[in-house]
Amino acid sequence: MIDIEAFSCQELVELVTDYLEGALTPADLRRFEEHIALCDACIEYLRQLRETIHIVGAITPDDLSPEAEAELLAVFRGWAPADV
């Protein structure tokens, strides 16, 4: 839980997955929703995430060409968090 009263955009981004999964504490949920109500950039970010989840959730393995699958696997295998 974040100890400050209002969320910054960065804090919202860090907690958006918990928000979408319904896993925020009541206090963080209130702060998250207060921020969303006033921040057009975060509203758009949340809209884009929801759209991405909707689209990606509709893709099946048969929808990917072998080339696309190989490229995605290569990207995921080569990915590492920036702060590692």
PDB file of N, CA and C in Angstrom:
ATOM      1  N   MET A   1       0.845  -1.173   0.000  1.00  0.00           N
ATOM      2  CA  MET A   1       0.000   0.000   0.000  1.00  0.00           C
ATOM      3  C   MET A   1       0.895   1.244   0.000  1.00  0.00           C
ATOM      4  N   ILE A   2       0.487   2.227  -0.749  1.00  0.00           N
ATOM      5  CA  ILE A   2       1.243   3.468  -0.835  1.00  0.00           C
ATOM      6  C   ILE A   2       0.782   4.387   0.281  1.00  0.00           C
ATOM      7  N   ASP A   3       1.737   5.016   0.965  1.00  0.00           N
ATOM      8  CA  ASP A   3       1.439   5.778   2.167  1.00  0.00           C
ATOM      9  C   ASP A   3       1.051   7.233   1.929  1.00  0.00           C
ATOM     10  N   ILE A   4       1.095   7.712   0.703  1.00  0.00           N
ATOM     11  CA  ILE A   4       0.721   9.098   0.476  1.00  0.00           C
ATOM     12  C   ILE A   4      -0.750   9.183   0.109  1.00  0.00           C
ATOM     13  N   GLU A   5      -1.322  10.349   0.257  1.00  0.00           N
ATOM     14  CA  GLU A   5      -2.771  10.515   0.038  1.00  0.00           C
ATOM     15  C   GLU A   5      -3.170  10.328  -1.416  1.00  0.00           C
ATOM     16  N   ALA A   6      -2.456  10.952  -2.344  1.00  0.00           N
ATOM     17  CA  ALA A   6      -2.832  10.871  -3.751  1.00  0.00           C
ATOM     18  C   ALA A   6      -1.781  10.093  -4.537  1.00  0.00           C
ATOM     19  N   PHE A   7      -2.234   9.379  -5.549  1.00  0.00           N
ATOM     20  CA  PHE A   7      -1.323   8.645  -6.415  1.00  0.00           C
ATOM     21  C   PHE A   7      -0.747   9.569  -7.471  1.00  0.00           C
ATOM     22  N   SER A   8       0.507   9.353  -7.815  1.00  0.00           N
ATOM     23  CA  SER A   8       1.089   9.967  -9.006  1.00  0.00           C
ATOM     24  C   SER A   8       0.761   9.050 -10.185  1.00  0.00           C
ATOM     25  N   CYS A   9       1.002   9.538 -11.378  1.00  0.00           N
ATOM     26  CA  CYS A   9       0.776   8.700 -12.558  1.00  0.00           C
ATOM     27  C   CYS A   9       1.649   7.444 -12.506  1.00  0.00           C
ATOM     28  N   GLN A  10       2.903   7.592 -12.086  1.00  0.00           N
ATOM     29  CA  GLN A  10       3.811   6.441 -11.999  1.00  0.00           C
ATOM     30  C   GLN A  10       3.288   5.390 -11.024  1.00  0.00           C
ATOM     31  N   GLU A  11       2.786   5.826  -9.892  1.00  0.00           N
ATOM     32  CA  GLU A  11       2.251   4.875  -8.911  1.00  0.00           C
ATOM     33  C   GLU A  11       1.018   4.170  -9.466  1.00  0.00           C
ATOM     34  N   LEU A  12       0.196   4.906 -10.198  1.00  0.00           N
ATOM     35  CA  LEU A  12      -0.979   4.293 -10.801  1.00  0.00           C
ATOM     36  C   LEU A  12      -0.556   3.208 -11.785  1.00  0.00           C
ATOM     37  N   VAL A  13       0.430   3.509 -12.624  1.00  0.00           N
ATOM     38  CA  VAL A  13       0.914   2.527 -13.601  1.00  0.00           C
ATOM     39  C   VAL A  13       1.419   1.272 -12.892  1.00  0.00           C
ATOM     40  N   GLU A  14       2.113   1.447 -11.781  1.00  0.00           N
ATOM     41  CA  GLU A  14       2.644   0.303 -11.041  1.00  0.00           C
ATOM     42  C   GLU A  14       1.537  -0.567 -10.437  1.00  0.00           C
ATOM     43  N   LEU A  15       0.379   0.017 -10.190  1.00  0.00           N
ATOM     44  CA  LEU A  15      -0.706  -0.724  -9.534  1.00  0.00           C
ATOM     45  C   LEU A  15      -1.862  -1.078 -10.464  1.00  0.00           C
ATOM     46  N   VAL A  16      -1.744  -0.776 -11.737  1.00  0.00           N
ATOM     47  CA  VAL A  16      -2.875  -0.983 -12.638  1.00  0.00           C
ATOM     48  C   VAL A  16      -3.263  -2.460 -12.751  1.00  0.00           C
ATOM     49  N   THR A  17      -2.310  -3.364 -12.725  1.00  0.00           N
ATOM     50  CA  THR A  17      -2.648  -4.795 -12.797  1.00  0.00           C
ATOM     51  C   THR A  17      -3.475  -5.207 -11.581  1.00  0.00           C
ATOM     52  N   ASP A  18      -3.060  -4.782 -10.387  1.00  0.00           N
ATOM     53  CA  ASP A  18      -3.846  -5.085  -9.189  1.00  0.00           C
ATOM     54  C   ASP A  18      -5.247  -4.486  -9.288  1.00  0.00           C
ATOM     55  N   TYR A  19      -5.347  -3.287  -9.860  1.00  0.00           N
ATOM     56  CA  TYR A  19      -6.656  -2.652 -10.033  1.00  0.00           C
ATOM     57  C   TYR A  19      -7.541  -3.502 -10.942  1.00  0.00           C
ATOM     58  N   LEU A  20      -7.001  -3.899 -12.085  1.00  0.00           N
ATOM     59  CA  LEU A  20      -7.786  -4.684 -13.037  1.00  0.00           C
ATOM     60  C   LEU A  20      -8.168  -6.053 -12.489  1.00  0.00           C
ATOM     61  N   GLU A  21      -7.365  -6.578 -11.579  1.00  0.00           N
ATOM     62  CA  GLU A  21      -7.650  -7.880 -10.974  1.00  0.00           C
ATOM     63  C   GLU A  21      -8.476  -7.761  -9.699  1.00  0.00           C
ATOM     64  N   GLY A  22      -8.810  -6.541  -9.292  1.00  0.00           N
ATOM     65  CA  GLY A  22      -9.599  -6.344  -8.078  1.00  0.00           C
ATOM     66  C   GLY A  22      -8.823  -6.643  -6.812  1.00  0.00           C
ATOM     67  N   ALA A  23      -7.496  -6.421  -6.844  1.00  0.00           N
ATOM     68  CA  ALA A  23      -6.648  -6.801  -5.717  1.00  0.00           C
ATOM     69  C   ALA A  23      -6.122  -5.616  -4.907  1.00  0.00           C
ATOM     70  N   LEU A  24      -6.608  -4.406  -5.174  1.00  0.00           N
ATOM     71  CA  LEU A  24      -6.148  -3.257  -4.387  1.00  0.00           C
ATOM     72  C   LEU A  24      -6.843  -3.223  -3.033  1.00  0.00           C
ATOM     73  N   THR A  25      -6.156  -2.679  -2.049  1.00  0.00           N
ATOM     74  CA  THR A  25      -6.797  -2.453  -0.749  1.00  0.00           C
ATOM     75  C   THR A  25      -7.879  -1.394  -0.949  1.00  0.00           C
ATOM     76  N   PRO A  26      -8.850  -1.321  -0.059  1.00  0.00           N
ATOM     77  CA  PRO A  26      -9.880  -0.284  -0.198  1.00  0.00           C
ATOM     78  C   PRO A  26      -9.299   1.134  -0.273  1.00  0.00           C
ATOM     79  N   ALA A  27      -8.288   1.421   0.524  1.00  0.00           N
ATOM     80  CA  ALA A  27      -7.688   2.761   0.506  1.00  0.00           C
ATOM     81  C   ALA A  27      -6.991   3.035  -0.827  1.00  0.00           C
ATOM     82  N   ASP A  28      -6.235   2.051  -1.341  1.00  0.00           N
ATOM     83  CA  ASP A  28      -5.566   2.239  -2.619  1.00  0.00           C
ATOM     84  C   ASP A  28      -6.579   2.322  -3.757  1.00  0.00           C
ATOM     85  N   LEU A  29      -7.643   1.555  -3.691  1.00  0.00           N
ATOM     86  CA  LEU A  29      -8.685   1.617  -4.699  1.00  0.00           C
ATOM     87  C   LEU A  29      -9.306   3.014  -4.743  1.00  0.00           C
ATOM     88  N   ARG A  30      -9.579   3.580  -3.589  1.00  0.00           N
ATOM     89  CA  ARG A  30     -10.156   4.930  -3.526  1.00  0.00           C
ATOM     90  C   ARG A  30      -9.199   5.933  -4.163  1.00  0.00           C
ATOM     91  N   ARG A  31      -7.923   5.868  -3.814  1.00  0.00           N
ATOM     92  CA  ARG A  31      -6.931   6.792  -4.368  1.00  0.00           C
ATOM     93  C   ARG A  31      -6.751   6.590  -5.874  1.00  0.00           C
ATOM     94  N   PHE A  32      -6.749   5.334  -6.292  1.00  0.00           N
ATOM     95  CA  PHE A  32      -6.618   5.015  -7.712  1.00  0.00           C
ATOM     96  C   PHE A  32      -7.776   5.638  -8.486  1.00  0.00           C
ATOM     97  N   GLU A  33      -8.984   5.417  -8.019  1.00  0.00           N
ATOM     98  CA  GLU A  33     -10.167   5.930  -8.710  1.00  0.00           C
ATOM     99  C   GLU A  33     -10.245   7.457  -8.661  1.00  0.00           C
ATOM    100  N   GLU A  34      -9.754   8.059  -7.576  1.00  0.00           N
ATOM    101  CA  GLU A  34      -9.702   9.522  -7.507  1.00  0.00           C
ATOM    102  C   GLU A  34      -8.738  10.066  -8.563  1.00  0.00           C
ATOM    103  N   HIS A  35      -7.611   9.407  -8.731  1.00  0.00           N
ATOM    104  CA  HIS A  35      -6.637   9.843  -9.727  1.00  0.00           C
ATOM    105  C   HIS A  35      -7.216   9.680 -11.128  1.00  0.00           C
ATOM    106  N   ILE A  36      -7.785   8.529 -11.406  1.00  0.00           N
ATOM    107  CA  ILE A  36      -8.368   8.256 -12.725  1.00  0.00           C
ATOM    108  C   ILE A  36      -9.438   9.293 -13.071  1.00  0.00           C
ATOM    109  N   ALA A  37     -10.207   9.712 -12.105  1.00  0.00           N
ATOM    110  CA  ALA A  37     -11.283  10.669 -12.354  1.00  0.00           C
ATOM    111  C   ALA A  37     -10.758  12.022 -12.831  1.00  0.00           C
ATOM    112  N   LEU A  38      -9.496  12.324 -12.553  1.00  0.00           N
ATOM    113  CA  LEU A  38      -8.950  13.648 -12.854  1.00  0.00           C
ATOM    114  C   LEU A  38      -7.822  13.666 -13.871  1.00  0.00           C
ATOM    115  N   CYS A  39      -7.341  12.511 -14.286  1.00  0.00           N
ATOM    116  CA  CYS A  39      -6.134  12.458 -15.128  1.00  0.00           C
ATOM    117  C   CYS A  39      -6.456  11.835 -16.489  1.00  0.00           C
ATOM    118  N   ASP A  40      -6.544  12.676 -17.509  1.00  0.00           N
ATOM    119  CA  ASP A  40      -6.861  12.189 -18.851  1.00  0.00           C
ATOM    120  C   ASP A  40      -5.833  11.194 -19.378  1.00  0.00           C
ATOM    121  N   ALA A  41      -4.559  11.433 -19.067  1.00  0.00           N
ATOM    122  CA  ALA A  41      -3.511  10.523 -19.548  1.00  0.00           C
ATOM    123  C   ALA A  41      -3.682   9.123 -18.952  1.00  0.00           C
ATOM    124  N   CYS A  42      -3.998   9.052 -17.667  1.00  0.00           N
ATOM    125  CA  CYS A  42      -4.177   7.743 -17.028  1.00  0.00           C
ATOM    126  C   CYS A  42      -5.488   7.082 -17.455  1.00  0.00           C
ATOM    127  N   ILE A  43      -6.498   7.885 -17.733  1.00  0.00           N
ATOM    128  CA  ILE A  43      -7.744   7.330 -18.279  1.00  0.00           C
ATOM    129  C   ILE A  43      -7.446   6.638 -19.603  1.00  0.00           C
ATOM    130  N   GLU A  44      -6.670   7.308 -20.457  1.00  0.00           N
ATOM    131  CA  GLU A  44      -6.314   6.743 -21.761  1.00  0.00           C
ATOM    132  C   GLU A  44      -5.439   5.503 -21.588  1.00  0.00           C
ATOM    133  N   TYR A  45      -4.492   5.539 -20.674  1.00  0.00           N
ATOM    134  CA  TYR A  45      -3.636   4.379 -20.407  1.00  0.00           C
ATOM    135  C   TYR A  45      -4.480   3.177 -19.979  1.00  0.00           C
ATOM    136  N   LEU A  46      -5.408   3.390 -19.080  1.00  0.00           N
ATOM    137  CA  LEU A  46      -6.275   2.313 -18.610  1.00  0.00           C
ATOM    138  C   LEU A  46      -7.157   1.786 -19.742  1.00  0.00           C
ATOM    139  N   ARG A  47      -7.659   2.685 -20.592  1.00  0.00           N
ATOM    140  CA  ARG A  47      -8.478   2.272 -21.734  1.00  0.00           C
ATOM    141  C   ARG A  47      -7.655   1.391 -22.677  1.00  0.00           C
ATOM    142  N   GLN A  48      -6.410   1.807 -22.946  1.00  0.00           N
ATOM    143  CA  GLN A  48      -5.543   1.037 -23.836  1.00  0.00           C
ATOM    144  C   GLN A  48      -5.236  -0.339 -23.255  1.00  0.00           C
ATOM    145  N   LEU A  49      -4.995  -0.412 -21.961  1.00  0.00           N
ATOM    146  CA  LEU A  49      -4.733  -1.713 -21.333  1.00  0.00           C
ATOM    147  C   LEU A  49      -5.936  -2.632 -21.435  1.00  0.00           C
ATOM    148  N   ARG A  50      -7.110  -2.081 -21.167  1.00  0.00           N
ATOM    149  CA  ARG A  50      -8.330  -2.896 -21.264  1.00  0.00           C
ATOM    150  C   ARG A  50      -8.540  -3.391 -22.692  1.00  0.00           C
ATOM    151  N   GLU A  51      -8.294  -2.528 -23.673  1.00  0.00           N
ATOM    152  CA  GLU A  51      -8.439  -2.921 -25.077  1.00  0.00           C
ATOM    153  C   GLU A  51      -7.419  -3.994 -25.440  1.00  0.00           C
ATOM    154  N   THR A  52      -6.186  -3.836 -24.976  1.00  0.00           N
ATOM    155  CA  THR A  52      -5.145  -4.830 -25.236  1.00  0.00           C
ATOM    156  C   THR A  52      -5.522  -6.180 -24.638  1.00  0.00           C
ATOM    157  N   ILE A  53      -5.992  -6.173 -23.404  1.00  0.00           N
ATOM    158  CA  ILE A  53      -6.409  -7.416 -22.744  1.00  0.00           C
ATOM    159  C   ILE A  53      -7.537  -8.075 -23.529  1.00  0.00           C
ATOM    160  N   HIS A  54      -8.482  -7.269 -23.986  1.00  0.00           N
ATOM    161  CA  HIS A  54      -9.609  -7.800 -24.753  1.00  0.00           C
ATOM    162  C   HIS A  54      -9.127  -8.443 -26.061  1.00  0.00           C
ATOM    163  N   ILE A  55      -8.247  -7.735 -26.783  1.00  0.00           N
ATOM    164  CA  ILE A  55      -7.767  -8.239 -28.070  1.00  0.00           C
ATOM    165  C   ILE A  55      -6.874  -9.458 -27.885  1.00  0.00           C
ATOM    166  N   VAL A  56      -5.932  -9.379 -26.972  1.00  0.00           N
ATOM    167  CA  VAL A  56      -4.997 -10.494 -26.760  1.00  0.00           C
ATOM    168  C   VAL A  56      -5.738 -11.717 -26.235  1.00  0.00           C
ATOM    169  N   GLY A  57      -6.747 -11.493 -25.421  1.00  0.00           N
ATOM    170  CA  GLY A  57      -7.526 -12.608 -24.900  1.00  0.00           C
ATOM    171  C   GLY A  57      -8.291 -13.345 -25.977  1.00  0.00           C
ATOM    172  N   ALA A  58      -8.475 -12.720 -27.135  1.00  0.00           N
ATOM    173  CA  ALA A  58      -9.215 -13.338 -28.226  1.00  0.00           C
ATOM    174  C   ALA A  58      -8.304 -14.072 -29.211  1.00  0.00           C
ATOM    175  N   ILE A  59      -7.004 -13.941 -29.056  1.00  0.00           N
ATOM    176  CA  ILE A  59      -6.053 -14.586 -29.969  1.00  0.00           C
ATOM    177  C   ILE A  59      -5.820 -16.027 -29.527  1.00  0.00           C
ATOM    178  N   THR A  60      -5.884 -16.930 -30.477  1.00  0.00           N
ATOM    179  CA  THR A  60      -5.581 -18.339 -30.199  1.00  0.00           C
ATOM    180  C   THR A  60      -4.238 -18.678 -30.842  1.00  0.00           C
ATOM    181  N   PRO A  61      -3.615 -19.766 -30.433  1.00  0.00           N
ATOM    182  CA  PRO A  61      -2.349 -20.159 -31.068  1.00  0.00           C
ATOM    183  C   PRO A  61      -2.478 -20.322 -32.585  1.00  0.00           C
ATOM    184  N   ASP A  62      -3.641 -20.748 -33.053  1.00  0.00           N
ATOM    185  CA  ASP A  62      -3.837 -20.928 -34.496  1.00  0.00           C
ATOM    186  C   ASP A  62      -3.876 -19.601 -35.246  1.00  0.00           C
ATOM    187  N   ASP A  63      -4.101 -18.476 -34.528  1.00  0.00           N
ATOM    188  CA  ASP A  63      -4.131 -17.157 -35.161  1.00  0.00           C
ATOM    189  C   ASP A  63      -2.739 -16.635 -35.503  1.00  0.00           C
ATOM    190  N   LEU A  64      -1.702 -17.216 -34.914  1.00  0.00           N
ATOM    191  CA  LEU A  64      -0.332 -16.752 -35.140  1.00  0.00           C
ATOM    192  C   LEU A  64       0.340 -17.569 -36.238  1.00  0.00           C
ATOM    193  N   SER A  65       1.028 -16.873 -37.109  1.00  0.00           N
ATOM    194  CA  SER A  65       1.838 -17.586 -38.096  1.00  0.00           C
ATOM    195  C   SER A  65       3.051 -18.159 -37.364  1.00  0.00           C
ATOM    196  N   PRO A  66       3.681 -19.180 -37.910  1.00  0.00           N
ATOM    197  CA  PRO A  66       4.898 -19.703 -37.269  1.00  0.00           C
ATOM    198  C   PRO A  66       5.971 -18.629 -37.108  1.00  0.00           C
ATOM    199  N   GLU A  67       6.051 -17.712 -38.066  1.00  0.00           N
ATOM    200  CA  GLU A  67       7.036 -16.633 -37.978  1.00  0.00           C
ATOM    201  C   GLU A  67       6.726 -15.695 -36.817  1.00  0.00           C
ATOM    202  N   ALA A  68       5.456 -15.321 -36.671  1.00  0.00           N
ATOM    203  CA  ALA A  68       5.058 -14.435 -35.572  1.00  0.00           C
ATOM    204  C   ALA A  68       5.297 -15.100 -34.229  1.00  0.00           C
ATOM    205  N   GLU A  69       4.971 -16.389 -34.139  1.00  0.00           N
ATOM    206  CA  GLU A  69       5.203 -17.121 -32.895  1.00  0.00           C
ATOM    207  C   GLU A  69       6.689 -17.148 -32.551  1.00  0.00           C
ATOM    208  N   ALA A  70       7.531 -17.420 -33.538  1.00  0.00           N
ATOM    209  CA  ALA A  70       8.975 -17.471 -33.301  1.00  0.00           C
ATOM    210  C   ALA A  70       9.507 -16.103 -32.873  1.00  0.00           C
ATOM    211  N   GLU A  71       9.004 -15.052 -33.505  1.00  0.00           N
ATOM    212  CA  GLU A  71       9.456 -13.700 -33.148  1.00  0.00           C
ATOM    213  C   GLU A  71       9.042 -13.336 -31.725  1.00  0.00           C
ATOM    214  N   LEU A  72       7.805 -13.649 -31.358  1.00  0.00           N
ATOM    215  CA  LEU A  72       7.345 -13.368 -29.990  1.00  0.00           C
ATOM    216  C   LEU A  72       8.157 -14.149 -28.960  1.00  0.00           C
ATOM    217  N   LEU A  73       8.402 -15.415 -29.237  1.00  0.00           N
ATOM    218  CA  LEU A  73       9.182 -16.224 -28.304  1.00  0.00           C
ATOM    219  C   LEU A  73      10.598 -15.678 -28.158  1.00  0.00           C
ATOM    220  N   ALA A  74      11.181 -15.219 -29.249  1.00  0.00           N
ATOM    221  CA  ALA A  74      12.531 -14.650 -29.177  1.00  0.00           C
ATOM    222  C   ALA A  74      12.541 -13.386 -28.332  1.00  0.00           C
ATOM    223  N   VAL A  75      11.530 -12.546 -28.490  1.00  0.00           N
ATOM    224  CA  VAL A  75      11.447 -11.318 -27.697  1.00  0.00           C
ATOM    225  C   VAL A  75      11.299 -11.663 -26.220  1.00  0.00           C
ATOM    226  N   PHE A  76      10.398 -12.580 -25.897  1.00  0.00           N
ATOM    227  CA  PHE A  76      10.185 -12.949 -24.492  1.00  0.00           C
ATOM    228  C   PHE A  76      11.425 -13.587 -23.882  1.00  0.00           C
ATOM    229  N   ARG A  77      12.106 -14.408 -24.637  1.00  0.00           N
ATOM    230  CA  ARG A  77      13.321 -15.052 -24.112  1.00  0.00           C
ATOM    231  C   ARG A  77      14.437 -14.042 -23.874  1.00  0.00           C
ATOM    232  N   GLY A  78      14.476 -12.982 -24.685  1.00  0.00           N
ATOM    233  CA  GLY A  78      15.516 -11.987 -24.556  1.00  0.00           C
ATOM    234  C   GLY A  78      15.171 -10.865 -23.588  1.00  0.00           C
ATOM    235  N   TRP A  79      13.960 -10.860 -23.066  1.00  0.00           N
ATOM    236  CA  TRP A  79      13.518  -9.780 -22.181  1.00  0.00           C
ATOM    237  C   TRP A  79      14.066  -9.968 -20.776  1.00  0.00           C
ATOM    238  N   ALA A  80      14.459  -8.864 -20.189  1.00  0.00           N
ATOM    239  CA  ALA A  80      14.879  -8.851 -18.788  1.00  0.00           C
ATOM    240  C   ALA A  80      14.440  -7.518 -18.199  1.00  0.00           C
ATOM    241  N   PRO A  81      13.988  -7.520 -16.950  1.00  0.00           N
ATOM    242  CA  PRO A  81      13.609  -6.244 -16.328  1.00  0.00           C
ATOM    243  C   PRO A  81      14.764  -5.247 -16.387  1.00  0.00           C
ATOM    244  N   ALA A  82      14.431  -3.974 -16.533  1.00  0.00           N
ATOM    245  CA  ALA A  82      15.439  -2.929 -16.693  1.00  0.00           C
ATOM    246  C   ALA A  82      16.346  -2.794 -15.483  1.00  0.00           C
ATOM    247  N   ASP A  83      15.857  -3.132 -14.305  1.00  0.00           N
ATOM    248  CA  ASP A  83      16.651  -2.920 -13.095  1.00  0.00           C
ATOM    249  C   ASP A  83      17.337  -4.184 -12.598  1.00  0.00           C
ATOM    250  N   VAL A  84      17.553  -5.144 -13.495  1.00  0.00           N
ATOM    251  CA  VAL A  84      18.258  -6.360 -13.110  1.00  0.00           C
ATOM    252  C   VAL A  84      19.727  -6.180 -13.325  1.00  0.00           C
TER     253      VAL A  84
END
